[in-house]
């Protein structure tokens, strides 16, 4: 697992991380830690084979979590576990082929990341994967790798697969709510609730 703060990461660094992991591991998936547009933290989960997600083990492990934080029960991940899942990057491996590899003797991320952070915060020359850019990126990933046909999710029932899009809809709600766009926030909230209906 490789955690990264999307709030300090541009699409350029994301592609380096994805390509580097996909060079070594046959399967790489992307997961979100929370729905915060301010400090979004995501994780690449890499595996040594392409077996599907063990839904039973996921639910069992999430039930052991005790810190429910500030989220209400409809967004607390043990209740909607696949809201944390974003996409199977293995299915779009070729999209990252042009990115440089990050290796022990060529640590390109060590030099790229501080430049991105400075350009994003100071001169606004670089766009990080937070707020709306991250929302649009997650939506694009859903279009490229639809959760309904993702082989990684093949053991998940249809209602659980809908949780993937629901998670992104809830993130969209948070983005719009925190930027004062009430009508758009309400639209994302309705989409989220509709996706979670049995």
N, C-alpha and C. Protein backbone atom coordinates (compact mmCIF):
# COMPACT_ATOMS: atom_id res chain seq x y z
N UNK A 1 0.84 -1.17 0.00
CA UNK A 1 0.00 0.00 0.00
C UNK A 1 0.88 1.23 0.00
N UNK A 2 0.53 2.20 -0.84
CA UNK A 2 1.24 3.47 -0.90
C UNK A 2 0.24 4.59 -0.69
N UNK A 3 0.32 5.23 0.47
CA UNK A 3 -0.54 6.37 0.76
C UNK A 3 0.02 7.61 0.08
N UNK A 4 -0.85 8.53 -0.30
CA UNK A 4 -0.38 9.82 -0.79
C UNK A 4 -1.43 10.89 -0.50
N UNK A 5 -0.94 12.07 -0.21
CA UNK A 5 -1.82 13.21 0.02
C UNK A 5 -2.14 13.85 -1.31
N UNK A 6 -3.38 13.65 -1.78
CA UNK A 6 -3.76 14.20 -3.08
C UNK A 6 -3.71 15.72 -3.07
N UNK A 7 -3.84 16.31 -1.89
CA UNK A 7 -3.82 17.78 -1.77
C UNK A 7 -2.45 18.37 -2.11
N UNK A 8 -1.40 17.55 -2.16
CA UNK A 8 -0.06 17.99 -2.56
C UNK A 8 0.42 17.28 -3.81
N UNK A 9 -0.49 16.61 -4.51
CA UNK A 9 -0.12 15.77 -5.63
C UNK A 9 -0.83 16.23 -6.90
N UNK A 10 -0.08 16.43 -7.96
CA UNK A 10 -0.70 16.74 -9.24
C UNK A 10 -0.92 15.44 -10.01
N UNK A 11 -1.58 15.55 -11.12
CA UNK A 11 -1.79 14.37 -11.95
C UNK A 11 -0.44 13.81 -12.42
N UNK A 12 0.55 14.68 -12.56
CA UNK A 12 1.88 14.25 -12.98
C UNK A 12 2.48 13.26 -11.97
N UNK A 13 2.43 13.60 -10.67
CA UNK A 13 2.97 12.69 -9.65
C UNK A 13 2.11 11.44 -9.52
N UNK A 14 0.81 11.61 -9.66
CA UNK A 14 -0.08 10.45 -9.61
C UNK A 14 0.33 9.43 -10.66
N UNK A 15 0.58 9.90 -11.89
CA UNK A 15 0.94 8.99 -12.98
C UNK A 15 2.27 8.29 -12.70
N UNK A 16 3.22 8.99 -12.09
CA UNK A 16 4.51 8.37 -11.74
C UNK A 16 4.28 7.25 -10.72
N UNK A 17 3.50 7.54 -9.69
CA UNK A 17 3.21 6.51 -8.68
C UNK A 17 2.50 5.31 -9.30
N UNK A 18 1.48 5.58 -10.12
CA UNK A 18 0.73 4.49 -10.75
C UNK A 18 1.63 3.64 -11.66
N UNK A 19 2.39 4.30 -12.50
CA UNK A 19 3.26 3.55 -13.43
C UNK A 19 4.27 2.72 -12.67
N UNK A 20 4.88 3.29 -11.63
CA UNK A 20 5.91 2.59 -10.88
C UNK A 20 5.32 1.34 -10.23
N UNK A 21 4.17 1.46 -9.61
CA UNK A 21 3.54 0.29 -8.99
C UNK A 21 3.11 -0.74 -10.03
N UNK A 22 2.58 -0.27 -11.16
CA UNK A 22 2.11 -1.20 -12.20
C UNK A 22 3.26 -1.92 -12.91
N UNK A 23 4.45 -1.37 -12.82
CA UNK A 23 5.63 -2.07 -13.37
C UNK A 23 6.00 -3.27 -12.54
N UNK A 24 5.64 -3.25 -11.25
CA UNK A 24 6.06 -4.30 -10.32
C UNK A 24 4.92 -5.26 -9.99
N UNK A 25 3.72 -4.72 -9.83
CA UNK A 25 2.59 -5.53 -9.37
C UNK A 25 1.57 -5.74 -10.49
N UNK A 26 1.01 -6.94 -10.58
CA UNK A 26 0.03 -7.20 -11.63
C UNK A 26 -1.32 -6.51 -11.42
N UNK A 27 -1.60 -6.10 -10.19
CA UNK A 27 -2.87 -5.42 -9.95
C UNK A 27 -2.68 -4.25 -8.98
N UNK A 28 -3.20 -3.09 -9.37
CA UNK A 28 -3.14 -1.89 -8.54
C UNK A 28 -4.52 -1.25 -8.52
N UNK A 29 -5.04 -1.02 -7.33
CA UNK A 29 -6.33 -0.36 -7.18
C UNK A 29 -6.15 0.93 -6.40
N UNK A 30 -7.13 1.82 -6.53
CA UNK A 30 -7.07 3.12 -5.88
C UNK A 30 -8.22 3.23 -4.87
N UNK A 31 -7.89 3.69 -3.65
CA UNK A 31 -8.86 3.81 -2.56
C UNK A 31 -8.75 5.19 -1.92
N UNK A 32 -9.87 5.68 -1.38
CA UNK A 32 -9.85 6.94 -0.64
C UNK A 32 -9.93 6.66 0.85
N UNK A 33 -9.29 7.53 1.64
CA UNK A 33 -9.31 7.39 3.09
C UNK A 33 -10.48 8.16 3.70
N UNK A 34 -10.87 9.26 3.05
CA UNK A 34 -11.95 10.07 3.60
C UNK A 34 -12.61 10.83 2.46
N UNK A 35 -13.58 11.65 2.80
CA UNK A 35 -14.30 12.45 1.81
C UNK A 35 -13.92 13.93 1.90
N UNK A 36 -12.81 14.23 2.53
CA UNK A 36 -12.39 15.61 2.71
C UNK A 36 -11.86 16.20 1.41
N UNK A 37 -12.43 17.33 0.94
CA UNK A 37 -11.84 17.99 -0.23
C UNK A 37 -10.63 18.85 0.14
N UNK A 38 -10.49 19.15 1.43
CA UNK A 38 -9.39 19.99 1.88
C UNK A 38 -8.09 19.20 1.95
N UNK A 39 -8.14 18.05 2.63
CA UNK A 39 -6.97 17.19 2.78
C UNK A 39 -7.30 15.77 2.33
N UNK A 40 -7.57 15.57 1.04
CA UNK A 40 -7.88 14.22 0.57
C UNK A 40 -6.64 13.32 0.60
N UNK A 41 -6.79 12.18 1.22
CA UNK A 41 -5.71 11.19 1.30
C UNK A 41 -6.20 9.93 0.60
N UNK A 42 -5.39 9.43 -0.30
CA UNK A 42 -5.74 8.25 -1.08
C UNK A 42 -4.64 7.21 -0.94
N UNK A 43 -4.94 6.00 -1.39
CA UNK A 43 -3.96 4.92 -1.31
C UNK A 43 -4.00 4.07 -2.56
N UNK A 44 -2.82 3.72 -3.04
CA UNK A 44 -2.69 2.68 -4.05
C UNK A 44 -2.54 1.37 -3.30
N UNK A 45 -3.33 0.38 -3.66
CA UNK A 45 -3.18 -0.96 -3.07
C UNK A 45 -2.73 -1.89 -4.19
N UNK A 46 -1.53 -2.42 -4.03
CA UNK A 46 -0.94 -3.28 -5.05
C UNK A 46 -0.92 -4.72 -4.55
N UNK A 47 -1.22 -5.65 -5.45
CA UNK A 47 -1.25 -7.07 -5.07
C UNK A 47 -0.41 -7.89 -6.05
N UNK A 48 0.00 -9.04 -5.57
CA UNK A 48 0.88 -9.90 -6.38
C UNK A 48 0.12 -10.78 -7.36
N UNK A 49 -1.20 -10.70 -7.35
CA UNK A 49 -2.00 -11.42 -8.34
C UNK A 49 -3.25 -10.60 -8.64
N UNK A 50 -4.04 -11.06 -9.58
CA UNK A 50 -5.23 -10.32 -9.98
C UNK A 50 -6.51 -10.93 -9.43
N UNK A 51 -6.45 -11.45 -8.23
CA UNK A 51 -7.67 -12.03 -7.64
C UNK A 51 -8.65 -10.91 -7.29
N UNK A 52 -9.94 -11.24 -7.29
CA UNK A 52 -10.94 -10.21 -6.95
C UNK A 52 -10.93 -9.87 -5.46
N UNK A 53 -11.55 -8.76 -5.14
CA UNK A 53 -11.68 -8.32 -3.77
C UNK A 53 -12.43 -9.36 -2.95
N UNK A 54 -11.94 -9.65 -1.75
CA UNK A 54 -12.63 -10.54 -0.82
C UNK A 54 -13.60 -9.67 -0.02
N UNK A 55 -14.84 -9.62 -0.46
CA UNK A 55 -15.84 -8.74 0.14
C UNK A 55 -16.12 -9.12 1.59
N UNK A 56 -16.16 -10.40 1.88
CA UNK A 56 -16.43 -10.85 3.24
C UNK A 56 -15.33 -10.38 4.19
N UNK A 57 -14.08 -10.53 3.77
CA UNK A 57 -12.95 -10.10 4.61
C UNK A 57 -12.96 -8.58 4.78
N UNK A 58 -13.30 -7.85 3.72
CA UNK A 58 -13.37 -6.40 3.81
C UNK A 58 -14.39 -5.96 4.85
N UNK A 59 -15.57 -6.52 4.79
CA UNK A 59 -16.62 -6.15 5.75
C UNK A 59 -16.22 -6.52 7.17
N UNK A 60 -15.63 -7.70 7.32
CA UNK A 60 -15.19 -8.14 8.66
C UNK A 60 -14.15 -7.19 9.23
N UNK A 61 -13.17 -6.82 8.40
CA UNK A 61 -12.10 -5.94 8.88
C UNK A 61 -12.60 -4.53 9.17
N UNK A 62 -13.50 -4.02 8.35
CA UNK A 62 -14.04 -2.69 8.60
C UNK A 62 -14.88 -2.65 9.87
N UNK A 63 -15.54 -3.75 10.20
CA UNK A 63 -16.34 -3.79 11.43
C UNK A 63 -15.48 -3.63 12.68
N UNK A 64 -14.18 -3.90 12.57
CA UNK A 64 -13.30 -3.77 13.73
C UNK A 64 -12.90 -2.33 14.00
N UNK A 65 -13.15 -1.43 13.05
CA UNK A 65 -12.79 -0.03 13.26
C UNK A 65 -13.67 0.59 14.33
N UNK A 66 -13.08 1.39 15.18
CA UNK A 66 -13.86 1.97 16.27
C UNK A 66 -13.99 3.49 16.18
N UNK A 67 -13.06 4.16 15.53
CA UNK A 67 -13.11 5.62 15.47
C UNK A 67 -13.96 6.06 14.29
N UNK A 68 -15.21 6.39 14.57
CA UNK A 68 -16.12 6.77 13.50
C UNK A 68 -16.03 8.24 13.15
N UNK A 69 -15.22 9.00 13.86
CA UNK A 69 -15.00 10.40 13.52
C UNK A 69 -16.27 11.21 13.49
N UNK A 70 -16.34 12.15 12.56
CA UNK A 70 -17.47 13.07 12.48
C UNK A 70 -18.50 12.66 11.44
N UNK A 71 -18.29 11.56 10.74
CA UNK A 71 -19.20 11.18 9.67
C UNK A 71 -20.47 10.52 10.22
N UNK A 72 -21.60 10.84 9.59
CA UNK A 72 -22.83 10.20 10.03
C UNK A 72 -22.86 8.76 9.53
N UNK A 73 -23.84 8.00 10.01
CA UNK A 73 -23.84 6.56 9.72
C UNK A 73 -23.98 6.25 8.23
N UNK A 74 -24.50 7.17 7.44
CA UNK A 74 -24.65 6.90 6.02
C UNK A 74 -23.36 7.07 5.24
N UNK A 75 -22.34 7.66 5.84
CA UNK A 75 -21.06 7.77 5.15
C UNK A 75 -19.93 7.07 5.91
N UNK A 76 -20.24 6.49 7.05
CA UNK A 76 -19.24 5.73 7.80
C UNK A 76 -18.91 4.47 7.03
N UNK A 77 -17.65 4.30 6.66
CA UNK A 77 -17.24 3.28 5.70
C UNK A 77 -17.64 1.85 6.04
N UNK A 78 -17.68 1.41 7.32
CA UNK A 78 -18.15 0.05 7.54
C UNK A 78 -19.59 -0.18 7.06
N UNK A 79 -20.37 0.88 6.99
CA UNK A 79 -21.75 0.74 6.50
C UNK A 79 -21.83 0.74 4.98
N UNK A 80 -20.89 1.38 4.32
CA UNK A 80 -20.83 1.41 2.86
C UNK A 80 -19.38 1.22 2.42
N UNK A 81 -18.84 0.03 2.60
CA UNK A 81 -17.40 -0.20 2.43
C UNK A 81 -16.83 0.17 1.07
N UNK A 82 -17.57 -0.05 0.00
CA UNK A 82 -16.98 0.24 -1.30
C UNK A 82 -17.06 1.72 -1.67
N UNK A 83 -17.58 2.56 -0.79
CA UNK A 83 -17.49 4.01 -1.01
C UNK A 83 -16.04 4.47 -0.93
N UNK A 84 -15.19 3.67 -0.30
CA UNK A 84 -13.77 3.99 -0.21
C UNK A 84 -13.01 3.61 -1.48
N UNK A 85 -13.59 2.73 -2.28
CA UNK A 85 -12.92 2.26 -3.49
C UNK A 85 -13.14 3.26 -4.62
N UNK A 86 -12.09 3.48 -5.44
CA UNK A 86 -12.22 4.40 -6.56
C UNK A 86 -12.14 3.67 -7.89
N UNK A 87 -11.05 2.91 -8.14
CA UNK A 87 -10.91 2.29 -9.46
C UNK A 87 -9.80 1.25 -9.48
N UNK A 88 -9.90 0.39 -10.48
CA UNK A 88 -8.89 -0.62 -10.77
C UNK A 88 -7.97 -0.04 -11.84
N UNK A 89 -6.81 0.44 -11.44
CA UNK A 89 -5.89 1.09 -12.37
C UNK A 89 -5.25 0.10 -13.33
N UNK A 90 -5.28 -1.16 -12.99
CA UNK A 90 -4.73 -2.19 -13.87
C UNK A 90 -5.43 -2.17 -15.22
N UNK A 91 -6.71 -1.86 -15.22
CA UNK A 91 -7.51 -1.87 -16.45
C UNK A 91 -7.12 -0.74 -17.40
N UNK A 92 -6.45 0.30 -16.90
CA UNK A 92 -6.04 1.42 -17.76
C UNK A 92 -4.52 1.62 -17.67
N UNK A 93 -3.82 0.53 -17.51
CA UNK A 93 -2.35 0.53 -17.35
C UNK A 93 -1.65 1.38 -18.42
N UNK A 94 -2.10 1.29 -19.66
CA UNK A 94 -1.43 2.00 -20.76
C UNK A 94 -1.49 3.52 -20.59
N UNK A 95 -2.47 4.01 -19.86
CA UNK A 95 -2.60 5.45 -19.66
C UNK A 95 -1.40 6.05 -18.91
N UNK A 96 -0.71 5.23 -18.14
CA UNK A 96 0.40 5.71 -17.33
C UNK A 96 1.76 5.39 -17.93
N UNK A 97 1.77 4.75 -19.11
CA UNK A 97 3.01 4.26 -19.71
C UNK A 97 4.01 5.37 -20.02
N UNK A 98 3.54 6.59 -20.26
CA UNK A 98 4.45 7.67 -20.59
C UNK A 98 5.10 8.35 -19.40
N UNK A 99 4.65 8.01 -18.21
CA UNK A 99 5.20 8.64 -16.99
C UNK A 99 6.55 8.02 -16.66
N UNK A 100 7.45 8.80 -16.06
CA UNK A 100 8.74 8.21 -15.65
C UNK A 100 8.55 7.27 -14.46
N UNK A 101 9.48 6.32 -14.34
CA UNK A 101 9.49 5.43 -13.19
C UNK A 101 10.20 6.10 -12.02
N UNK A 102 9.74 5.84 -10.83
CA UNK A 102 10.41 6.30 -9.62
C UNK A 102 11.19 5.10 -9.08
N UNK A 103 12.51 5.18 -9.12
CA UNK A 103 13.34 4.05 -8.70
C UNK A 103 14.32 4.49 -7.61
N UNK A 104 14.99 3.50 -7.01
CA UNK A 104 15.96 3.80 -5.96
C UNK A 104 17.06 4.75 -6.43
N UNK A 105 17.50 4.59 -7.67
CA UNK A 105 18.59 5.43 -8.16
C UNK A 105 18.10 6.61 -9.01
N UNK A 106 16.80 6.71 -9.19
CA UNK A 106 16.21 7.84 -9.93
C UNK A 106 14.89 8.20 -9.27
N UNK A 107 14.99 8.91 -8.17
CA UNK A 107 13.82 9.24 -7.35
C UNK A 107 13.17 10.52 -7.86
N UNK A 108 12.52 10.41 -9.00
CA UNK A 108 11.95 11.60 -9.63
C UNK A 108 10.90 12.28 -8.76
N UNK A 109 10.17 11.51 -7.97
CA UNK A 109 9.15 12.11 -7.11
C UNK A 109 9.75 13.02 -6.04
N UNK A 110 10.94 12.69 -5.60
CA UNK A 110 11.60 13.51 -4.59
C UNK A 110 11.79 14.94 -5.07
N UNK A 111 11.96 15.11 -6.38
CA UNK A 111 12.17 16.43 -6.95
C UNK A 111 10.89 17.04 -7.49
N UNK A 112 9.98 16.21 -7.99
CA UNK A 112 8.74 16.72 -8.57
C UNK A 112 7.77 17.23 -7.50
N UNK A 113 7.62 16.48 -6.43
CA UNK A 113 6.60 16.80 -5.43
C UNK A 113 6.77 18.19 -4.80
N UNK A 114 7.97 18.58 -4.36
CA UNK A 114 8.11 19.93 -3.78
C UNK A 114 7.81 21.04 -4.78
N UNK A 115 8.17 20.84 -6.05
CA UNK A 115 7.89 21.84 -7.07
C UNK A 115 6.38 21.98 -7.25
N UNK A 116 5.69 20.86 -7.32
CA UNK A 116 4.23 20.90 -7.45
C UNK A 116 3.61 21.61 -6.27
N UNK A 117 4.05 21.27 -5.07
CA UNK A 117 3.48 21.90 -3.88
C UNK A 117 3.69 23.42 -3.92
N UNK A 118 4.89 23.85 -4.27
CA UNK A 118 5.18 25.29 -4.32
C UNK A 118 4.37 25.98 -5.41
N UNK A 119 4.29 25.35 -6.59
CA UNK A 119 3.54 25.95 -7.70
C UNK A 119 2.04 25.99 -7.42
N UNK A 120 1.54 25.00 -6.70
CA UNK A 120 0.11 24.97 -6.41
C UNK A 120 -0.26 26.01 -5.36
N UNK A 121 0.58 26.16 -4.35
CA UNK A 121 0.26 27.06 -3.24
C UNK A 121 0.67 28.50 -3.51
N UNK A 122 1.74 28.70 -4.24
CA UNK A 122 2.24 30.05 -4.45
C UNK A 122 1.71 30.69 -5.71
N UNK A 123 2.20 30.22 -6.84
CA UNK A 123 1.86 30.87 -8.11
C UNK A 123 0.63 30.28 -8.78
N UNK A 124 0.10 29.20 -8.25
CA UNK A 124 -1.08 28.52 -8.82
C UNK A 124 -0.83 28.07 -10.28
N UNK A 125 0.42 27.72 -10.57
CA UNK A 125 0.76 27.23 -11.90
C UNK A 125 0.48 25.73 -12.05
N UNK A 126 0.29 25.06 -10.97
CA UNK A 126 0.06 23.61 -11.02
C UNK A 126 -1.22 23.31 -10.27
N UNK A 127 -2.01 22.39 -10.79
CA UNK A 127 -3.27 22.01 -10.18
C UNK A 127 -3.10 20.68 -9.45
N UNK A 128 -3.42 20.66 -8.16
CA UNK A 128 -3.32 19.42 -7.39
C UNK A 128 -4.64 18.67 -7.46
N UNK A 129 -4.57 17.39 -7.10
CA UNK A 129 -5.76 16.54 -7.12
C UNK A 129 -6.55 16.70 -5.82
N UNK A 130 -7.20 17.82 -5.70
CA UNK A 130 -8.07 18.09 -4.56
C UNK A 130 -9.26 18.88 -5.09
N UNK A 131 -10.26 19.04 -4.26
CA UNK A 131 -11.45 19.81 -4.63
C UNK A 131 -12.03 19.31 -5.95
N UNK A 132 -12.40 20.22 -6.85
CA UNK A 132 -13.05 19.81 -8.10
C UNK A 132 -12.15 19.00 -9.03
N UNK A 133 -10.86 19.32 -9.18
CA UNK A 133 -10.04 18.48 -10.05
C UNK A 133 -10.05 17.00 -9.62
N UNK A 134 -10.04 16.75 -8.32
CA UNK A 134 -10.08 15.36 -7.85
C UNK A 134 -11.45 14.75 -8.13
N UNK A 135 -12.51 15.51 -7.94
CA UNK A 135 -13.86 15.02 -8.25
C UNK A 135 -13.94 14.61 -9.72
N UNK A 136 -13.48 15.48 -10.62
CA UNK A 136 -13.55 15.18 -12.05
C UNK A 136 -12.66 13.98 -12.41
N UNK A 137 -11.51 13.87 -11.74
CA UNK A 137 -10.62 12.74 -12.00
C UNK A 137 -11.27 11.43 -11.58
N UNK A 138 -11.91 11.40 -10.41
CA UNK A 138 -12.59 10.18 -9.96
C UNK A 138 -13.74 9.82 -10.89
N UNK A 139 -14.49 10.82 -11.35
CA UNK A 139 -15.58 10.57 -12.28
C UNK A 139 -15.04 10.02 -13.60
N UNK A 140 -13.92 10.56 -14.05
CA UNK A 140 -13.28 10.06 -15.27
C UNK A 140 -12.85 8.61 -15.10
N UNK A 141 -12.29 8.28 -13.94
CA UNK A 141 -11.88 6.89 -13.68
C UNK A 141 -13.09 5.96 -13.71
N UNK A 142 -14.24 6.41 -13.18
CA UNK A 142 -15.46 5.58 -13.22
C UNK A 142 -15.91 5.34 -14.66
N UNK A 143 -15.70 6.32 -15.52
CA UNK A 143 -16.07 6.14 -16.92
C UNK A 143 -15.10 5.20 -17.63
N UNK A 144 -13.83 5.32 -17.30
CA UNK A 144 -12.82 4.46 -17.93
C UNK A 144 -12.89 3.03 -17.42
N UNK A 145 -13.16 2.86 -16.13
CA UNK A 145 -13.25 1.54 -15.51
C UNK A 145 -14.56 1.48 -14.72
N UNK A 146 -15.68 1.22 -15.39
CA UNK A 146 -16.97 1.22 -14.69
C UNK A 146 -17.00 0.19 -13.56
N UNK A 147 -17.42 0.60 -12.38
CA UNK A 147 -17.49 -0.35 -11.26
C UNK A 147 -18.37 -1.55 -11.57
N UNK A 148 -19.38 -1.34 -12.40
CA UNK A 148 -20.32 -2.42 -12.73
C UNK A 148 -19.65 -3.57 -13.48
N UNK A 149 -18.54 -3.28 -14.19
CA UNK A 149 -17.87 -4.33 -14.96
C UNK A 149 -16.40 -4.52 -14.55
N UNK A 150 -16.02 -3.98 -13.41
CA UNK A 150 -14.65 -4.09 -12.92
C UNK A 150 -14.41 -5.52 -12.43
N UNK A 151 -13.44 -6.26 -13.01
CA UNK A 151 -13.21 -7.64 -12.57
C UNK A 151 -12.76 -7.74 -11.11
N UNK A 152 -12.16 -6.70 -10.58
CA UNK A 152 -11.75 -6.71 -9.18
C UNK A 152 -12.97 -6.79 -8.26
N UNK A 153 -14.09 -6.30 -8.72
CA UNK A 153 -15.33 -6.28 -7.91
C UNK A 153 -16.29 -7.39 -8.28
N UNK A 154 -15.86 -8.39 -9.03
CA UNK A 154 -16.79 -9.38 -9.55
C UNK A 154 -17.51 -10.19 -8.46
N UNK A 155 -16.94 -10.28 -7.26
CA UNK A 155 -17.62 -11.02 -6.20
C UNK A 155 -18.56 -10.12 -5.38
N UNK A 156 -18.53 -8.83 -5.65
CA UNK A 156 -19.39 -7.89 -4.92
C UNK A 156 -20.77 -7.86 -5.54
N UNK A 157 -21.82 -7.89 -4.74
CA UNK A 157 -23.18 -7.79 -5.29
C UNK A 157 -23.41 -6.41 -5.90
N UNK A 158 -24.40 -6.28 -6.81
CA UNK A 158 -24.64 -5.00 -7.49
C UNK A 158 -24.84 -3.82 -6.55
N UNK A 159 -25.52 -4.03 -5.42
CA UNK A 159 -25.74 -2.90 -4.50
C UNK A 159 -24.43 -2.40 -3.90
N UNK A 160 -23.47 -3.30 -3.72
CA UNK A 160 -22.16 -2.87 -3.21
C UNK A 160 -21.37 -2.15 -4.29
N UNK A 161 -21.50 -2.59 -5.53
CA UNK A 161 -20.79 -1.92 -6.63
C UNK A 161 -21.29 -0.48 -6.79
N UNK A 162 -22.55 -0.24 -6.51
CA UNK A 162 -23.09 1.12 -6.59
C UNK A 162 -22.46 2.02 -5.53
N UNK A 163 -21.95 1.43 -4.46
CA UNK A 163 -21.30 2.22 -3.42
C UNK A 163 -20.06 2.96 -3.94
N UNK A 164 -19.42 2.42 -4.98
CA UNK A 164 -18.23 3.05 -5.55
C UNK A 164 -18.60 4.43 -6.09
N UNK A 165 -19.64 4.47 -6.90
CA UNK A 165 -20.09 5.76 -7.45
C UNK A 165 -20.69 6.63 -6.33
N UNK A 166 -21.31 5.99 -5.33
CA UNK A 166 -21.88 6.75 -4.22
C UNK A 166 -20.78 7.50 -3.45
N UNK A 167 -19.64 6.85 -3.27
CA UNK A 167 -18.52 7.50 -2.58
C UNK A 167 -18.06 8.75 -3.31
N UNK A 168 -17.98 8.67 -4.63
CA UNK A 168 -17.57 9.84 -5.40
C UNK A 168 -18.66 10.91 -5.37
N UNK A 169 -19.92 10.49 -5.38
CA UNK A 169 -21.02 11.46 -5.28
C UNK A 169 -20.97 12.18 -3.94
N UNK A 170 -20.65 11.45 -2.87
CA UNK A 170 -20.56 12.11 -1.57
C UNK A 170 -19.38 13.08 -1.54
N UNK A 171 -18.30 12.71 -2.16
CA UNK A 171 -17.17 13.63 -2.25
C UNK A 171 -17.60 14.90 -3.02
N UNK A 172 -18.34 14.71 -4.10
CA UNK A 172 -18.86 15.85 -4.85
C UNK A 172 -19.74 16.74 -3.98
N UNK A 173 -20.57 16.11 -3.15
CA UNK A 173 -21.40 16.87 -2.22
C UNK A 173 -20.54 17.71 -1.28
N UNK A 174 -19.48 17.12 -0.74
CA UNK A 174 -18.60 17.85 0.17
C UNK A 174 -17.91 19.02 -0.53
N UNK A 175 -17.47 18.81 -1.76
CA UNK A 175 -16.82 19.88 -2.52
C UNK A 175 -17.78 21.03 -2.72
N UNK A 176 -18.99 20.73 -3.19
CA UNK A 176 -19.97 21.78 -3.48
C UNK A 176 -20.45 22.47 -2.19
N UNK A 177 -20.67 21.69 -1.16
CA UNK A 177 -21.13 22.26 0.10
C UNK A 177 -20.10 23.24 0.67
N UNK A 178 -18.84 22.83 0.62
CA UNK A 178 -17.79 23.67 1.21
C UNK A 178 -17.41 24.87 0.36
N UNK A 179 -17.83 24.85 -0.90
CA UNK A 179 -17.57 26.02 -1.75
C UNK A 179 -18.82 26.87 -1.92
N UNK A 180 -19.86 26.57 -1.14
CA UNK A 180 -21.05 27.40 -1.11
C UNK A 180 -21.99 27.25 -2.28
N UNK A 181 -21.90 26.14 -3.01
CA UNK A 181 -22.79 25.91 -4.16
C UNK A 181 -23.90 24.96 -3.74
N UNK A 182 -24.90 25.51 -3.09
CA UNK A 182 -25.96 24.72 -2.45
C UNK A 182 -26.73 23.85 -3.42
N UNK A 183 -27.10 24.38 -4.58
CA UNK A 183 -27.89 23.61 -5.54
C UNK A 183 -27.10 22.41 -6.05
N UNK A 184 -25.83 22.61 -6.36
CA UNK A 184 -25.01 21.50 -6.83
C UNK A 184 -24.75 20.50 -5.71
N UNK A 185 -24.57 21.00 -4.49
CA UNK A 185 -24.39 20.10 -3.34
C UNK A 185 -25.61 19.22 -3.17
N UNK A 186 -26.80 19.82 -3.27
CA UNK A 186 -28.04 19.05 -3.12
C UNK A 186 -28.16 18.00 -4.22
N UNK A 187 -27.75 18.34 -5.43
CA UNK A 187 -27.81 17.38 -6.54
C UNK A 187 -26.90 16.19 -6.27
N UNK A 188 -25.67 16.45 -5.80
CA UNK A 188 -24.75 15.35 -5.48
C UNK A 188 -25.29 14.52 -4.30
N UNK A 189 -25.89 15.18 -3.32
CA UNK A 189 -26.43 14.45 -2.16
C UNK A 189 -27.57 13.52 -2.61
N UNK A 190 -28.44 14.01 -3.50
CA UNK A 190 -29.54 13.16 -4.01
C UNK A 190 -28.98 11.97 -4.80
N UNK A 191 -27.95 12.24 -5.59
CA UNK A 191 -27.31 11.15 -6.35
C UNK A 191 -26.74 10.11 -5.40
N UNK A 192 -26.06 10.57 -4.36
CA UNK A 192 -25.48 9.67 -3.37
C UNK A 192 -26.57 8.81 -2.72
N UNK A 193 -27.64 9.45 -2.28
CA UNK A 193 -28.72 8.70 -1.61
C UNK A 193 -29.42 7.74 -2.57
N UNK A 194 -29.59 8.15 -3.82
CA UNK A 194 -30.23 7.28 -4.81
C UNK A 194 -29.38 6.03 -5.07
N UNK A 195 -28.06 6.22 -5.13
CA UNK A 195 -27.17 5.08 -5.38
C UNK A 195 -27.17 4.08 -4.22
N UNK A 196 -27.49 4.53 -3.02
CA UNK A 196 -27.49 3.65 -1.86
C UNK A 196 -28.83 3.00 -1.60
N UNK A 197 -29.83 3.32 -2.40
CA UNK A 197 -31.14 2.68 -2.21
C UNK A 197 -31.05 1.21 -2.57
N UNK A 198 -31.73 0.35 -1.79
CA UNK A 198 -31.68 -1.10 -2.09
C UNK A 198 -32.34 -1.45 -3.41
